[in-house]
Amino acid sequence: VNLPLDFSISHSEPLVVCALSGTAKVGVDTERYRPPNST
């Protein structure tokens, strides 16, 4: 956005998250625990 801020969004099943900052580049990720997979 053309504003002095950075943002990132993530969602995993019911949990939805947004991170915002006016002082740093930011990234967010949320994951539900699940059994390992080869991918």
ModelCIF file with pLDDT and N, C-alpha, C, O atoms, coordinates in Angstrom:
data_MODEL
#
_entry.id   MODEL 
#
_entity.id                         1 
_entity.type                       polymer 
_entity.pdbx_number_of_molecules   1 
#
_entity_poly.entity_id                      1 
_entity_poly.type                           'polypeptide(L)' 
_entity_poly.nstd_linkage                   no 
_entity_poly.nstd_monomer                   no 
_entity_poly.pdbx_seq_one_letter_code       VNLPLDFSISHSEPLVVCALSGTAKVGVDTERYRPPNST 
_entity_poly.pdbx_seq_one_letter_code_can   VNLPLDFSISHSEPLVVCALSGTAKVGVDTERYRPPNST 
_entity_poly.pdbx_strand_id                 A 
#
loop_
_entity_poly_seq.entity_id 
_entity_poly_seq.num 
_entity_poly_seq.mon_id 
_entity_poly_seq.hetero 
1 1  VAL n 
1 2  ASN n 
1 3  LEU n 
1 4  PRO n 
1 5  LEU n 
1 6  ASP n 
1 7  PHE n 
1 8  SER n 
1 9  ILE n 
1 10 SER n 
1 11 HIS n 
1 12 SER n 
1 13 GLU n 
1 14 PRO n 
1 15 LEU n 
1 16 VAL n 
1 17 VAL n 
1 18 CYS n 
1 19 ALA n 
1 20 LEU n 
1 21 SER n 
1 22 GLY n 
1 23 THR n 
1 24 ALA n 
1 25 LYS n 
1 26 VAL n 
1 27 GLY n 
1 28 VAL n 
1 29 ASP n 
1 30 THR n 
1 31 GLU n 
1 32 ARG n 
1 33 TYR n 
1 34 ARG n 
1 35 PRO n 
1 36 PRO n 
1 37 ASN n 
1 38 SER n 
1 39 THR n 
#
_struct_asym.id          A 
_struct_asym.entity_id   1 
#
loop_
_ma_qa_metric.id 
_ma_qa_metric.mode 
_ma_qa_metric.name 
_ma_qa_metric.software_group_id 
_ma_qa_metric.type 
1 global pLDDT . pLDDT 
2 local  pLDDT . pLDDT 
#
_ma_qa_metric_global.metric_id      1 
_ma_qa_metric_global.metric_value   95.23 
_ma_qa_metric_global.model_id       1 
_ma_qa_metric_global.ordinal_id     1 
#
loop_
_ma_qa_metric_local.label_asym_id 
_ma_qa_metric_local.label_comp_id 
_ma_qa_metric_local.label_seq_id 
_ma_qa_metric_local.metric_id 
_ma_qa_metric_local.metric_value 
_ma_qa_metric_local.model_id 
_ma_qa_metric_local.ordinal_id 
A VAL 1  2 95.00 1 1  
A ASN 2  2 95.00 1 2  
A LEU 3  2 97.00 1 3  
A PRO 4  2 97.00 1 4  
A LEU 5  2 97.00 1 5  
A ASP 6  2 98.00 1 6  
A PHE 7  2 98.00 1 7  
A SER 8  2 98.00 1 8  
A ILE 9  2 97.00 1 9  
A SER 10 2 97.00 1 10 
A HIS 11 2 95.00 1 11 
A SER 12 2 93.00 1 12 
A GLU 13 2 85.00 1 13 
A PRO 14 2 90.00 1 14 
A LEU 15 2 95.00 1 15 
A VAL 16 2 96.00 1 16 
A VAL 17 2 98.00 1 17 
A CYS 18 2 98.00 1 18 
A ALA 19 2 98.00 1 19 
A LEU 20 2 98.00 1 20 
A SER 21 2 98.00 1 21 
A GLY 22 2 97.00 1 22 
A THR 23 2 97.00 1 23 
A ALA 24 2 97.00 1 24 
A LYS 25 2 97.00 1 25 
A VAL 26 2 98.00 1 26 
A GLY 27 2 98.00 1 27 
A VAL 28 2 98.00 1 28 
A ASP 29 2 98.00 1 29 
A THR 30 2 98.00 1 30 
A GLU 31 2 97.00 1 31 
A ARG 32 2 96.00 1 32 
A TYR 33 2 96.00 1 33 
A ARG 34 2 92.00 1 34 
A PRO 35 2 90.00 1 35 
A PRO 36 2 86.00 1 36 
A ASN 37 2 88.00 1 37 
A SER 38 2 87.00 1 38 
A THR 39 2 91.00 1 39 
#
loop_
_atom_site.group_PDB 
_atom_site.id 
_atom_site.type_symbol 
_atom_site.label_atom_id 
_atom_site.label_alt_id 
_atom_site.label_comp_id 
_atom_site.label_asym_id 
_atom_site.label_entity_id 
_atom_site.label_seq_id 
_atom_site.pdbx_PDB_ins_code 
_atom_site.Cartn_x 
_atom_site.Cartn_y 
_atom_site.Cartn_z 
_atom_site.occupancy 
_atom_site.B_iso_or_equiv 
_atom_site.pdbx_formal_charge 
_atom_site.auth_seq_id 
_atom_site.auth_comp_id 
_atom_site.auth_asym_id 
_atom_site.auth_atom_id 
_atom_site.pdbx_PDB_model_num 
ATOM 1   N N  . VAL A 1 1  ? 0.856  -1.190  0.000  1.00 95.00 ? 1  VAL A N  1 
ATOM 2   C CA . VAL A 1 1  ? 0.000  0.000   0.000  1.00 95.00 ? 1  VAL A CA 1 
ATOM 3   C C  . VAL A 1 1  ? 0.890  1.237   0.000  1.00 95.00 ? 1  VAL A C  1 
ATOM 4   O O  . VAL A 1 1  ? 2.021  1.194   0.484  1.00 95.00 ? 1  VAL A O  1 
ATOM 5   N N  . ASN A 1 2  ? 0.381  2.329   -0.539 1.00 95.00 ? 2  ASN A N  1 
ATOM 6   C CA . ASN A 1 2  ? 1.142  3.572   -0.605 1.00 95.00 ? 2  ASN A CA 1 
ATOM 7   C C  . ASN A 1 2  ? 1.002  4.341   0.711  1.00 95.00 ? 2  ASN A C  1 
ATOM 8   O O  . ASN A 1 2  ? 0.543  5.483   0.753  1.00 95.00 ? 2  ASN A O  1 
ATOM 9   N N  . LEU A 1 3  ? 1.417  3.664   1.772  1.00 97.00 ? 3  LEU A N  1 
ATOM 10  C CA . LEU A 1 3  ? 1.397  4.215   3.121  1.00 97.00 ? 3  LEU A CA 1 
ATOM 11  C C  . LEU A 1 3  ? 2.682  3.788   3.821  1.00 97.00 ? 3  LEU A C  1 
ATOM 12  O O  . LEU A 1 3  ? 3.314  2.821   3.396  1.00 97.00 ? 3  LEU A O  1 
ATOM 13  N N  . PRO A 1 4  ? 3.083  4.484   4.879  1.00 97.00 ? 4  PRO A N  1 
ATOM 14  C CA . PRO A 1 4  ? 4.317  4.117   5.576  1.00 97.00 ? 4  PRO A CA 1 
ATOM 15  C C  . PRO A 1 4  ? 4.141  2.892   6.478  1.00 97.00 ? 4  PRO A C  1 
ATOM 16  O O  . PRO A 1 4  ? 4.297  2.977   7.696  1.00 97.00 ? 4  PRO A O  1 
ATOM 17  N N  . LEU A 1 5  ? 3.816  1.763   5.865  1.00 97.00 ? 5  LEU A N  1 
ATOM 18  C CA . LEU A 1 5  ? 3.638  0.534   6.632  1.00 97.00 ? 5  LEU A CA 1 
ATOM 19  C C  . LEU A 1 5  ? 3.819  -0.682  5.729  1.00 97.00 ? 5  LEU A C  1 
ATOM 20  O O  . LEU A 1 5  ? 3.742  -0.582  4.505  1.00 97.00 ? 5  LEU A O  1 
ATOM 21  N N  . ASP A 1 6  ? 4.056  -1.809  6.345  1.00 98.00 ? 6  ASP A N  1 
ATOM 22  C CA . ASP A 1 6  ? 4.146  -3.076  5.628  1.00 98.00 ? 6  ASP A CA 1 
ATOM 23  C C  . ASP A 1 6  ? 3.192  -4.054  6.306  1.00 98.00 ? 6  ASP A C  1 
ATOM 24  O O  . ASP A 1 6  ? 2.874  -3.903  7.485  1.00 98.00 ? 6  ASP A O  1 
ATOM 25  N N  . PHE A 1 7  ? 2.740  -5.050  5.562  1.00 98.00 ? 7  PHE A N  1 
ATOM 26  C CA . PHE A 1 7  ? 1.798  -6.004  6.148  1.00 98.00 ? 7  PHE A CA 1 
ATOM 27  C C  . PHE A 1 7  ? 1.986  -7.388  5.545  1.00 98.00 ? 7  PHE A C  1 
ATOM 28  O O  . PHE A 1 7  ? 2.620  -7.559  4.504  1.00 98.00 ? 7  PHE A O  1 
ATOM 29  N N  . SER A 1 8  ? 1.421  -8.361  6.227  1.00 98.00 ? 8  SER A N  1 
ATOM 30  C CA . SER A 1 8  ? 1.448  -9.744  5.754  1.00 98.00 ? 8  SER A CA 1 
ATOM 31  C C  . SER A 1 8  ? 0.252  -10.454 6.356  1.00 98.00 ? 8  SER A C  1 
ATOM 32  O O  . SER A 1 8  ? -0.131 -10.171 7.491  1.00 98.00 ? 8  SER A O  1 
ATOM 33  N N  . ILE A 1 9  ? -0.341 -11.373 5.611  1.00 97.00 ? 9  ILE A N  1 
ATOM 34  C CA . ILE A 1 9  ? -1.497 -12.123 6.111  1.00 97.00 ? 9  ILE A CA 1 
ATOM 35  C C  . ILE A 1 9  ? -1.266 -13.619 5.936  1.00 97.00 ? 9  ILE A C  1 
ATOM 36  O O  . ILE A 1 9  ? -0.492 -14.049 5.081  1.00 97.00 ? 9  ILE A O  1 
ATOM 37  N N  . SER A 1 10 ? -1.954 -14.403 6.766  1.00 97.00 ? 10 SER A N  1 
ATOM 38  C CA . SER A 1 10 ? -1.831 -15.858 6.702  1.00 97.00 ? 10 SER A CA 1 
ATOM 39  C C  . SER A 1 10 ? -3.081 -16.473 7.298  1.00 97.00 ? 10 SER A C  1 
ATOM 40  O O  . SER A 1 10 ? -3.724 -15.886 8.169  1.00 97.00 ? 10 SER A O  1 
ATOM 41  N N  . HIS A 1 11 ? -3.419 -17.662 6.822  1.00 95.00 ? 11 HIS A N  1 
ATOM 42  C CA . HIS A 1 11 ? -4.522 -18.391 7.456  1.00 95.00 ? 11 HIS A CA 1 
ATOM 43  C C  . HIS A 1 11 ? -4.308 -19.889 7.289  1.00 95.00 ? 11 HIS A C  1 
ATOM 44  O O  . HIS A 1 11 ? -3.833 -20.359 6.255  1.00 95.00 ? 11 HIS A O  1 
ATOM 45  N N  . SER A 1 12 ? -4.668 -20.614 8.324  1.00 93.00 ? 12 SER A N  1 
ATOM 46  C CA . SER A 1 12 ? -4.579 -22.077 8.320  1.00 93.00 ? 12 SER A CA 1 
ATOM 47  C C  . SER A 1 12 ? -5.811 -22.599 9.024  1.00 93.00 ? 12 SER A C  1 
ATOM 48  O O  . SER A 1 12 ? -5.929 -22.538 10.247 1.00 93.00 ? 12 SER A O  1 
ATOM 49  N N  . GLU A 1 13 ? -6.738 -23.120 8.208  1.00 85.00 ? 13 GLU A N  1 
ATOM 50  C CA . GLU A 1 13 ? -8.032 -23.575 8.730  1.00 85.00 ? 13 GLU A CA 1 
ATOM 51  C C  . GLU A 1 13 ? -8.699 -22.411 9.488  1.00 85.00 ? 13 GLU A C  1 
ATOM 52  O O  . GLU A 1 13 ? -8.774 -21.319 8.924  1.00 85.00 ? 13 GLU A O  1 
ATOM 53  N N  . PRO A 1 14 ? -9.190 -22.577 10.737 1.00 90.00 ? 14 PRO A N  1 
ATOM 54  C CA . PRO A 1 14 ? -9.935 -21.460 11.332 1.00 90.00 ? 14 PRO A CA 1 
ATOM 55  C C  . PRO A 1 14 ? -9.095 -20.264 11.766 1.00 90.00 ? 14 PRO A C  1 
ATOM 56  O O  . PRO A 1 14 ? -9.645 -19.179 11.956 1.00 90.00 ? 14 PRO A O  1 
ATOM 57  N N  . LEU A 1 15 ? -7.779 -20.424 11.931 1.00 95.00 ? 15 LEU A N  1 
ATOM 58  C CA . LEU A 1 15 ? -6.957 -19.324 12.426 1.00 95.00 ? 15 LEU A CA 1 
ATOM 59  C C  . LEU A 1 15 ? -6.510 -18.418 11.283 1.00 95.00 ? 15 LEU A C  1 
ATOM 60  O O  . LEU A 1 15 ? -5.872 -18.864 10.330 1.00 95.00 ? 15 LEU A O  1 
ATOM 61  N N  . VAL A 1 16 ? -6.857 -17.137 11.398 1.00 96.00 ? 16 VAL A N  1 
ATOM 62  C CA . VAL A 1 16 ? -6.537 -16.134 10.374 1.00 96.00 ? 16 VAL A CA 1 
ATOM 63  C C  . VAL A 1 16 ? -5.746 -15.020 11.046 1.00 96.00 ? 16 VAL A C  1 
ATOM 64  O O  . VAL A 1 16 ? -6.137 -14.533 12.107 1.00 96.00 ? 16 VAL A O  1 
ATOM 65  N N  . VAL A 1 17 ? -4.630 -14.612 10.431 1.00 98.00 ? 17 VAL A N  1 
ATOM 66  C CA . VAL A 1 17 ? -3.712 -13.675 11.068 1.00 98.00 ? 17 VAL A CA 1 
ATOM 67  C C  . VAL A 1 17 ? -3.290 -12.579 10.096 1.00 98.00 ? 17 VAL A C  1 
ATOM 68  O O  . VAL A 1 17 ? -3.114 -12.829 8.903  1.00 98.00 ? 17 VAL A O  1 
ATOM 69  N N  . CYS A 1 18 ? -3.133 -11.374 10.609 1.00 98.00 ? 18 CYS A N  1 
ATOM 70  C CA . CYS A 1 18 ? -2.566 -10.263 9.851  1.00 98.00 ? 18 CYS A CA 1 
ATOM 71  C C  . CYS A 1 18 ? -1.528 -9.569  10.722 1.00 98.00 ? 18 CYS A C  1 
ATOM 72  O O  . CYS A 1 18 ? -1.796 -9.257  11.882 1.00 98.00 ? 18 CYS A O  1 
ATOM 73  N N  . ALA A 1 19 ? -0.347 -9.328  10.166 1.00 98.00 ? 19 ALA A N  1 
ATOM 74  C CA . ALA A 1 19 ? 0.714  -8.600  10.861 1.00 98.00 ? 19 ALA A CA 1 
ATOM 75  C C  . ALA A 1 19 ? 0.956  -7.287  10.140 1.00 98.00 ? 19 ALA A C  1 
ATOM 76  O O  . ALA A 1 19 ? 1.012  -7.257  8.910  1.00 98.00 ? 19 ALA A O  1 
ATOM 77  N N  . LEU A 1 20 ? 1.100  -6.204  10.886 1.00 98.00 ? 20 LEU A N  1 
ATOM 78  C CA . LEU A 1 20 ? 1.369  -4.885  10.317 1.00 98.00 ? 20 LEU A CA 1 
ATOM 79  C C  . LEU A 1 20 ? 2.499  -4.222  11.092 1.00 98.00 ? 20 LEU A C  1 
ATOM 80  O O  . LEU A 1 20 ? 2.642  -4.429  12.297 1.00 98.00 ? 20 LEU A O  1 
ATOM 81  N N  . SER A 1 21 ? 3.298  -3.423  10.392 1.00 98.00 ? 21 SER A N  1 
ATOM 82  C CA . SER A 1 21 ? 4.354  -2.670  11.036 1.00 98.00 ? 21 SER A CA 1 
ATOM 83  C C  . SER A 1 21 ? 4.599  -1.373  10.286 1.00 98.00 ? 21 SER A C  1 
ATOM 84  O O  . SER A 1 21 ? 4.537  -1.328  9.057  1.00 98.00 ? 21 SER A O  1 
ATOM 85  N N  . GLY A 1 22 ? 4.875  -0.328  11.036 1.00 97.00 ? 22 GLY A N  1 
ATOM 86  C CA . GLY A 1 22 ? 5.258  0.949   10.448 1.00 97.00 ? 22 GLY A CA 1 
ATOM 87  C C  . GLY A 1 22 ? 6.739  1.198   10.563 1.00 97.00 ? 22 GLY A C  1 
ATOM 88  O O  . GLY A 1 22 ? 7.219  2.274   10.208 1.00 97.00 ? 22 GLY A O  1 
ATOM 89  N N  . THR A 1 23 ? 7.483  0.202   11.063 1.00 97.00 ? 23 THR A N  1 
ATOM 90  C CA . THR A 1 23 ? 8.919  0.382   11.282 1.00 97.00 ? 23 THR A CA 1 
ATOM 91  C C  . THR A 1 23 ? 9.774  -0.678  10.622 1.00 97.00 ? 23 THR A C  1 
ATOM 92  O O  . THR A 1 23 ? 10.999 -0.554  10.617 1.00 97.00 ? 23 THR A O  1 
ATOM 93  N N  . ALA A 1 24 ? 9.168  -1.725  10.060 1.00 97.00 ? 24 ALA A N  1 
ATOM 94  C CA . ALA A 1 24 ? 9.959  -2.825  9.511  1.00 97.00 ? 24 ALA A CA 1 
ATOM 95  C C  . ALA A 1 24 ? 9.207  -3.536  8.401  1.00 97.00 ? 24 ALA A C  1 
ATOM 96  O O  . ALA A 1 24 ? 7.981  -3.471  8.324  1.00 97.00 ? 24 ALA A O  1 
ATOM 97  N N  . LYS A 1 25 ? 9.959  -4.217  7.539  1.00 97.00 ? 25 LYS A N  1 
ATOM 98  C CA . LYS A 1 25 ? 9.340  -5.157  6.616  1.00 97.00 ? 25 LYS A CA 1 
ATOM 99  C C  . LYS A 1 25 ? 8.921  -6.367  7.436  1.00 97.00 ? 25 LYS A C  1 
ATOM 100 O O  . LYS A 1 25 ? 9.673  -6.822  8.299  1.00 97.00 ? 25 LYS A O  1 
ATOM 101 N N  . VAL A 1 26 ? 7.737  -6.889  7.178  1.00 98.00 ? 26 VAL A N  1 
ATOM 102 C CA . VAL A 1 26 ? 7.208  -7.928  8.046  1.00 98.00 ? 26 VAL A CA 1 
ATOM 103 C C  . VAL A 1 26 ? 6.571  -9.058  7.240  1.00 98.00 ? 26 VAL A C  1 
ATOM 104 O O  . VAL A 1 26 ? 6.008  -8.834  6.168  1.00 98.00 ? 26 VAL A O  1 
ATOM 105 N N  . GLY A 1 27 ? 6.669  -10.263 7.771  1.00 98.00 ? 27 GLY A N  1 
ATOM 106 C CA . GLY A 1 27 ? 6.011  -11.425 7.186  1.00 98.00 ? 27 GLY A CA 1 
ATOM 107 C C  . GLY A 1 27 ? 5.468  -12.294 8.304  1.00 98.00 ? 27 GLY A C  1 
ATOM 108 O O  . GLY A 1 27 ? 6.093  -12.403 9.359  1.00 98.00 ? 27 GLY A O  1 
ATOM 109 N N  . VAL A 1 28 ? 4.322  -12.910 8.094  1.00 98.00 ? 28 VAL A N  1 
ATOM 110 C CA . VAL A 1 28 ? 3.743  -13.776 9.111  1.00 98.00 ? 28 VAL A CA 1 
ATOM 111 C C  . VAL A 1 28 ? 3.260  -15.064 8.455  1.00 98.00 ? 28 VAL A C  1 
ATOM 112 O O  . VAL A 1 28 ? 2.770  -15.047 7.326  1.00 98.00 ? 28 VAL A O  1 
ATOM 113 N N  . ASP A 1 29 ? 3.399  -16.164 9.158  1.00 98.00 ? 29 ASP A N  1 
ATOM 114 C CA . ASP A 1 29 ? 2.842  -17.424 8.678  1.00 98.00 ? 29 ASP A CA 1 
ATOM 115 C C  . ASP A 1 29 ? 2.376  -18.246 9.867  1.00 98.00 ? 29 ASP A C  1 
ATOM 116 O O  . ASP A 1 29 ? 3.070  -18.350 10.878 1.00 98.00 ? 29 ASP A O  1 
ATOM 117 N N  . THR A 1 30 ? 1.203  -18.821 9.733  1.00 98.00 ? 30 THR A N  1 
ATOM 118 C CA . THR A 1 30 ? 0.660  -19.693 10.770 1.00 98.00 ? 30 THR A CA 1 
ATOM 119 C C  . THR A 1 30 ? 0.325  -21.041 10.163 1.00 98.00 ? 30 THR A C  1 
ATOM 120 O O  . THR A 1 30 ? -0.175 -21.116 9.041  1.00 98.00 ? 30 THR A O  1 
ATOM 121 N N  . GLU A 1 31 ? 0.599  -22.099 10.899 1.00 97.00 ? 31 GLU A N  1 
ATOM 122 C CA . GLU A 1 31 ? 0.370  -23.450 10.415 1.00 97.00 ? 31 GLU A CA 1 
ATOM 123 C C  . GLU A 1 31 ? -0.205 -24.307 11.530 1.00 97.00 ? 31 GLU A C  1 
ATOM 124 O O  . GLU A 1 31 ? 0.241  -24.240 12.676 1.00 97.00 ? 31 GLU A O  1 
ATOM 125 N N  . ARG A 1 32 ? -1.197 -25.111 11.182 1.00 96.00 ? 32 ARG A N  1 
ATOM 126 C CA . ARG A 1 32 ? -1.715 -26.066 12.162 1.00 96.00 ? 32 ARG A CA 1 
ATOM 127 C C  . ARG A 1 32 ? -0.773 -27.256 12.214 1.00 96.00 ? 32 ARG A C  1 
ATOM 128 O O  . ARG A 1 32 ? -0.317 -27.743 11.180 1.00 96.00 ? 32 ARG A O  1 
ATOM 129 N N  . TYR A 1 33 ? -0.486 -27.722 13.418 1.00 96.00 ? 33 TYR A N  1 
ATOM 130 C CA . TYR A 1 33 ? 0.368  -28.899 13.551 1.00 96.00 ? 33 TYR A CA 1 
ATOM 131 C C  . TYR A 1 33 ? -0.296 -30.096 12.875 1.00 96.00 ? 33 TYR A C  1 
ATOM 132 O O  . TYR A 1 33 ? -1.475 -30.370 13.100 1.00 96.00 ? 33 TYR A O  1 
ATOM 133 N N  . ARG A 1 34 ? 0.462  -30.797 12.054 1.00 92.00 ? 34 ARG A N  1 
ATOM 134 C CA . ARG A 1 34 ? -0.035 -31.997 11.401 1.00 92.00 ? 34 ARG A CA 1 
ATOM 135 C C  . ARG A 1 34 ? 1.129  -32.942 11.158 1.00 92.00 ? 34 ARG A C  1 
ATOM 136 O O  . ARG A 1 34 ? 2.283  -32.518 11.220 1.00 92.00 ? 34 ARG A O  1 
ATOM 137 N N  . PRO A 1 35 ? 0.853  -34.223 10.880 1.00 90.00 ? 35 PRO A N  1 
ATOM 138 C CA . PRO A 1 35 ? 1.927  -35.198 10.691 1.00 90.00 ? 35 PRO A CA 1 
ATOM 139 C C  . PRO A 1 35 ? 2.850  -34.802 9.543  1.00 90.00 ? 35 PRO A C  1 
ATOM 140 O O  . PRO A 1 35 ? 2.405  -34.181 8.578  1.00 90.00 ? 35 PRO A O  1 
ATOM 141 N N  . PRO A 1 36 ? 4.131  -35.158 9.640  1.00 86.00 ? 36 PRO A N  1 
ATOM 142 C CA . PRO A 1 36 ? 5.081  -34.834 8.573  1.00 86.00 ? 36 PRO A CA 1 
ATOM 143 C C  . PRO A 1 36 ? 4.669  -35.444 7.242  1.00 86.00 ? 36 PRO A C  1 
ATOM 144 O O  . PRO A 1 36 ? 4.052  -36.508 7.194  1.00 86.00 ? 36 PRO A O  1 
ATOM 145 N N  . ASN A 1 37 ? 5.024  -34.747 6.156  1.00 88.00 ? 37 ASN A N  1 
ATOM 146 C CA . ASN A 1 37 ? 4.798  -35.306 4.827  1.00 88.00 ? 37 ASN A CA 1 
ATOM 147 C C  . ASN A 1 37 ? 6.013  -35.010 3.968  1.00 88.00 ? 37 ASN A C  1 
ATOM 148 O O  . ASN A 1 37 ? 6.766  -34.074 4.238  1.00 88.00 ? 37 ASN A O  1 
ATOM 149 N N  . SER A 1 38 ? 6.196  -35.811 2.938  1.00 87.00 ? 38 SER A N  1 
ATOM 150 C CA . SER A 1 38 ? 7.407  -35.733 2.130  1.00 87.00 ? 38 SER A CA 1 
ATOM 151 C C  . SER A 1 38 ? 7.519  -34.412 1.374  1.00 87.00 ? 38 SER A C  1 
ATOM 152 O O  . SER A 1 38 ? 8.626  -33.945 1.103  1.00 87.00 ? 38 SER A O  1 
ATOM 153 N N  . THR A 1 39 ? 6.381  -33.807 1.032  1.00 91.00 ? 39 THR A N  1 
ATOM 154 C CA . THR A 1 39 ? 6.427  -32.542 0.284  1.00 91.00 ? 39 THR A CA 1 
ATOM 155 C C  . THR A 1 39 ? 7.102  -31.447 1.096  1.00 91.00 ? 39 THR A C  1 
ATOM 156 O O  . THR A 1 39 ? 7.229  -30.317 0.624  1.00 91.00 ? 39 THR A O  1 
#
